Structures are given as C-alpha cells and as structure tokens.
Protein backbone atom coordinates (compact mmCIF):
# COMPACT_ATOMS: atom_id res chain seq x y z
CA MET A 1 -15.62 17.92 -43.07
CA LYS A 2 -19.19 16.58 -43.06
CA LEU A 3 -17.86 13.13 -42.16
CA LYS A 4 -16.05 14.67 -39.20
CA THR A 5 -19.18 16.44 -37.93
CA ASP A 6 -21.26 13.28 -38.40
CA ALA A 7 -18.71 11.28 -36.42
CA LYS A 8 -18.69 13.97 -33.73
CA LYS A 9 -22.50 13.98 -33.54
CA SER A 10 -22.61 10.19 -33.35
CA PHE A 11 -19.99 10.16 -30.61
CA ASP A 12 -21.68 12.98 -28.67
CA LEU A 13 -24.99 11.12 -28.85
CA ALA A 14 -23.36 7.93 -27.50
CA ILE A 15 -21.79 9.85 -24.61
CA GLN A 16 -25.07 11.65 -23.83
CA SER A 17 -26.97 8.39 -23.80
CA LEU A 18 -24.32 6.88 -21.52
CA ALA A 19 -24.43 9.81 -19.11
CA ASN A 20 -28.25 9.95 -19.12
CA SER A 21 -29.10 6.29 -19.71
CA LYS A 22 -32.38 6.58 -17.76
CA ASN A 23 -33.85 9.33 -19.98
CA ILE A 24 -33.48 7.66 -23.39
CA LYS A 25 -36.58 6.89 -25.41
CA ASP A 26 -35.02 4.51 -27.98
CA PHE A 27 -34.93 1.00 -26.48
CA HIS A 28 -31.77 -0.12 -28.30
CA ASP A 29 -29.77 2.99 -27.31
CA SER A 30 -31.07 2.68 -23.76
CA LEU A 31 -30.04 -0.97 -23.47
CA THR A 32 -26.58 -0.29 -24.92
CA SER A 33 -26.07 2.63 -22.55
CA ILE A 34 -27.17 0.62 -19.52
CA VAL A 35 -24.83 -2.23 -20.46
CA LEU A 36 -21.92 0.21 -20.92
CA ARG A 37 -22.74 1.95 -17.64
CA GLU A 38 -22.79 -1.37 -15.76
CA PHE A 39 -19.55 -2.45 -17.47
CA ILE A 40 -17.77 0.70 -16.30
CA ILE A 41 -19.12 0.41 -12.73
CA ARG A 42 -18.25 -3.30 -12.54
CA THR A 43 -14.75 -2.68 -13.91
CA LEU A 44 -14.17 0.09 -11.37
CA LYS A 45 -15.08 -2.36 -8.60
CA GLN A 46 -12.93 -5.08 -10.16
CA PHE A 47 -9.90 -2.78 -10.08
CA HIS A 48 -10.73 -1.66 -6.50
CA LEU A 49 -11.53 1.87 -7.62
CA GLU A 50 -14.89 2.24 -5.89
CA GLN A 51 -13.94 5.78 -4.85
CA VAL A 52 -13.71 6.87 -8.51
CA ASP A 53 -16.95 8.34 -9.85
CA PHE A 54 -18.52 6.85 -12.97
CA TYR A 55 -18.78 10.33 -14.48
CA ASP A 56 -15.03 10.90 -14.08
CA VAL A 57 -14.41 7.95 -16.40
CA VAL A 58 -17.08 9.13 -18.86
CA SER A 59 -15.57 12.63 -18.89
CA GLU A 60 -12.12 11.25 -19.67
CA VAL A 61 -13.62 9.04 -22.42
CA TYR A 62 -15.30 12.11 -23.92
CA ILE A 63 -12.08 14.14 -23.86
CA ARG A 64 -10.14 11.35 -25.55
CA GLY A 65 -12.91 10.77 -28.07
CA THR A 66 -13.09 14.41 -29.13
CA LYS A 67 -9.30 14.52 -29.47
CA THR A 68 -9.40 11.39 -31.62
CA ILE A 69 -12.12 12.82 -33.88
CA ASP A 70 -10.38 16.21 -34.09
CA SER A 71 -7.15 14.48 -35.13
CA GLY A 72 -8.99 13.07 -38.15
CA GLU A 73 -9.55 9.50 -37.01
CA HIS A 74 -12.97 7.98 -37.49
CA ILE A 75 -14.72 6.18 -34.64
CA GLU A 76 -16.73 3.57 -36.49
CA ASN A 77 -18.58 2.05 -33.53
CA PRO A 78 -18.81 4.57 -30.65
CA GLY A 79 -20.18 2.02 -28.16
CA ALA A 80 -17.28 -0.39 -28.64
CA TRP A 81 -14.77 2.47 -28.68
CA ILE A 82 -16.19 3.84 -25.42
CA ARG A 83 -16.01 0.39 -23.83
CA ILE A 84 -12.36 -0.19 -24.78
CA THR A 85 -11.31 3.34 -23.90
CA SER A 86 -13.07 3.26 -20.53
CA LEU A 87 -11.31 -0.04 -19.74
CA ASN A 88 -7.95 1.52 -20.63
CA ILE A 89 -8.71 4.59 -18.49
CA ILE A 90 -9.63 2.39 -15.52
CA ARG A 91 -6.41 0.39 -15.97
CA GLU A 92 -4.40 3.62 -15.98
CA MET A 93 -6.19 4.79 -12.83
CA SER A 94 -5.46 1.48 -11.15
CA ARG A 95 -1.76 1.66 -12.06
CA GLN A 96 -1.62 5.21 -10.74
CA GLN A 97 -3.26 4.15 -7.49
CA LEU A 98 -0.78 1.27 -7.08
CA LYS A 99 2.14 3.64 -7.70
CA GLU A 100 0.81 6.06 -5.10
CA GLN A 101 0.39 3.24 -2.58
CA ALA A 102 3.93 2.01 -3.24
CA ASN A 103 5.27 5.54 -2.83
CA SER A 104 3.41 6.07 0.44
CA GLU A 105 4.67 2.72 1.76
CA PHE A 106 8.21 3.70 0.78
CA ILE A 107 7.85 7.03 2.59
CA GLU A 108 6.49 5.26 5.67
CA ARG A 109 9.49 2.92 5.65
CA GLN A 110 11.78 5.94 5.43
CA ILE A 111 10.04 7.59 8.38
CA ALA A 112 9.75 4.40 10.43
CA PRO A 113 13.47 4.17 11.39
CA ASN A 114 13.06 7.40 13.36
CA ASP A 115 10.24 5.77 15.28
CA ARG A 116 12.43 2.71 15.90
CA GLU A 117 15.19 4.93 17.23
CA ASP A 118 12.73 6.49 19.67
CA ASN A 119 11.58 3.02 20.73
CA ASN A 120 15.20 1.93 21.19
CA GLU A 121 15.85 4.87 23.50
CA VAL A 122 12.81 4.00 25.59
CA GLU A 123 13.82 0.34 25.71
CA LEU A 124 17.35 1.28 26.77
CA LYS A 125 16.01 3.38 29.64
CA ILE A 126 13.80 0.52 30.77
CA LEU A 127 16.76 -1.86 30.54
CA GLU A 128 18.96 0.48 32.59
CA LYS A 129 16.32 0.70 35.32
CA SER A 130 15.90 -3.07 35.32
CA LEU A 131 19.65 -3.63 35.60
CA GLN A 132 19.82 -1.24 38.55
CA THR A 133 17.34 -3.39 40.49
CA LEU A 134 19.61 -6.47 40.20
CA THR A 135 22.39 -7.44 42.56
CA GLU A 136 25.97 -6.65 41.59
CA LYS A 137 26.75 -10.33 40.78
CA ASP A 138 23.63 -10.80 38.65
CA ARG A 139 24.32 -7.58 36.76
CA GLN A 140 27.91 -8.72 36.17
CA ILE A 141 26.74 -12.12 34.85
CA LEU A 142 24.28 -10.51 32.41
CA GLU A 143 26.83 -7.95 31.30
CA LEU A 144 29.44 -10.61 30.56
CA LYS A 145 26.99 -12.93 28.80
CA TYR A 146 24.85 -10.53 26.77
CA PHE A 147 26.71 -7.24 26.44
CA GLN A 148 30.19 -8.71 25.95
CA ASP A 149 28.75 -11.74 24.10
CA LYS A 150 30.71 -14.36 26.02
CA SER A 151 29.93 -18.04 26.40
CA TRP A 152 28.88 -19.41 29.77
CA LYS A 153 32.32 -21.00 30.19
CA GLN A 154 33.96 -17.63 29.60
CA VAL A 155 31.58 -15.99 32.10
CA VAL A 156 32.56 -18.59 34.73
CA ALA A 157 36.25 -18.01 33.95
CA ASP A 158 35.88 -14.20 34.26
CA LEU A 159 34.04 -14.58 37.56
CA ALA A 160 36.81 -16.92 38.80
CA ASP A 161 39.37 -14.22 37.91
CA CYS A 162 37.41 -11.84 40.17
CA GLY A 163 37.51 -14.40 43.01
CA GLU A 164 33.97 -15.77 42.54
CA ILE A 165 34.17 -19.53 41.98
CA LEU A 166 30.87 -20.94 40.71
CA LYS A 167 29.79 -23.89 38.61
CA GLU A 168 28.65 -23.24 35.04
CA ALA A 169 25.15 -24.58 35.84
CA THR A 170 24.89 -22.16 38.78
CA VAL A 171 25.92 -19.20 36.62
CA ARG A 172 23.41 -20.18 33.93
CA GLN A 173 20.63 -20.44 36.50
CA ARG A 174 21.51 -17.06 38.06
CA GLY A 175 21.58 -15.49 34.59
CA LYS A 176 18.20 -16.99 33.73
CA ARG A 177 16.64 -15.76 36.97
CA ALA A 178 18.18 -12.32 36.55
CA LEU A 179 16.60 -12.06 33.08
CA GLU A 180 13.24 -13.04 34.48
CA ARG A 181 13.44 -10.23 37.06
C-alpha cells in the first residue's frame, strides 16, 4: 500500500511540475518539465492538432496514470511514462480527427448529388432558351447530332429524307456555328 501511495505521489508531482513548469524551484525538475512541455506542444503541431490545448493532453495523461497506478501497476519513471503516454494520446486524437474529416467528406459527397441535380435543372433551362433562339434547321442539326447521338453522315441522310440536301461539310459548319451561338 505504501508503494502505491509513493508511486501516486511521485506521479502527481511529475504532473504538477509539468502543468506548472514555470513555478518549480528545483532546476532538474524544471528542465525535465520544460522539455516534456515542449515535446507535447511540438508533437501537437506535428500531428496538425494546434487547436488542441496542451492541458487537455496533460489531463488525459493524468487520468490514465491514476488508473494505471490504481490497477496496481508501478510507474518506474514518471517522466518517460508521461512522454510515451502523451504521444499515444496525440496519435489517438489525430486518428479521431482524420476519421471525422473522412466522415464529413463522405457526407458532403452524399449531399453534393442534390446540388448537381439543381445545377442540371438550371443548365437544362439555359439550354432550352438557347435552342429556342436558333433557326429550325440549326436546331434540327443539333438535335440529330447531339441528342440522338448520330454521326454527321447520318445527320446529312436524315436531312435529305426531309428534303434538305446539304453537303456533310456544310452540315458540320452549321452545327459548329449553332453551338457557338
């Protein structure tokens, strides 16, 4: 039992010195705390977790440390244990952030088709208005070529069936100009 309380006191002291690294009188403890503090801050930046507060990581380290001590395990070197545990916590936070980003991107992709459908409706209205401004022959050429997906030879043949005899080059040029309008 005494070993458990000594371990708890040692761990609590390490956490206190980490949280209040500027107010420590012992040079060695102060240096260790400053190095640990800078390690945690640098690792947060490395994992693109600048929005996470340093004290959030320290709090989670403290919770895990007290659970470890209460379960009967001995933390031999609190400084090293805090360093490893804080790294693991930051990795977990990073994985969680990546999962959340992936989920939000997935949701956006699910919502995006509705936006595309709205855009398609607008584009169809614009296309209808544009087609109405064309002459009957130009509209017929575009309809045969692009809506019925016919080759230029087939467009010429269909126009010939309607009594309009034109060369393939002429039909292509009229189609090109109609698209430009």
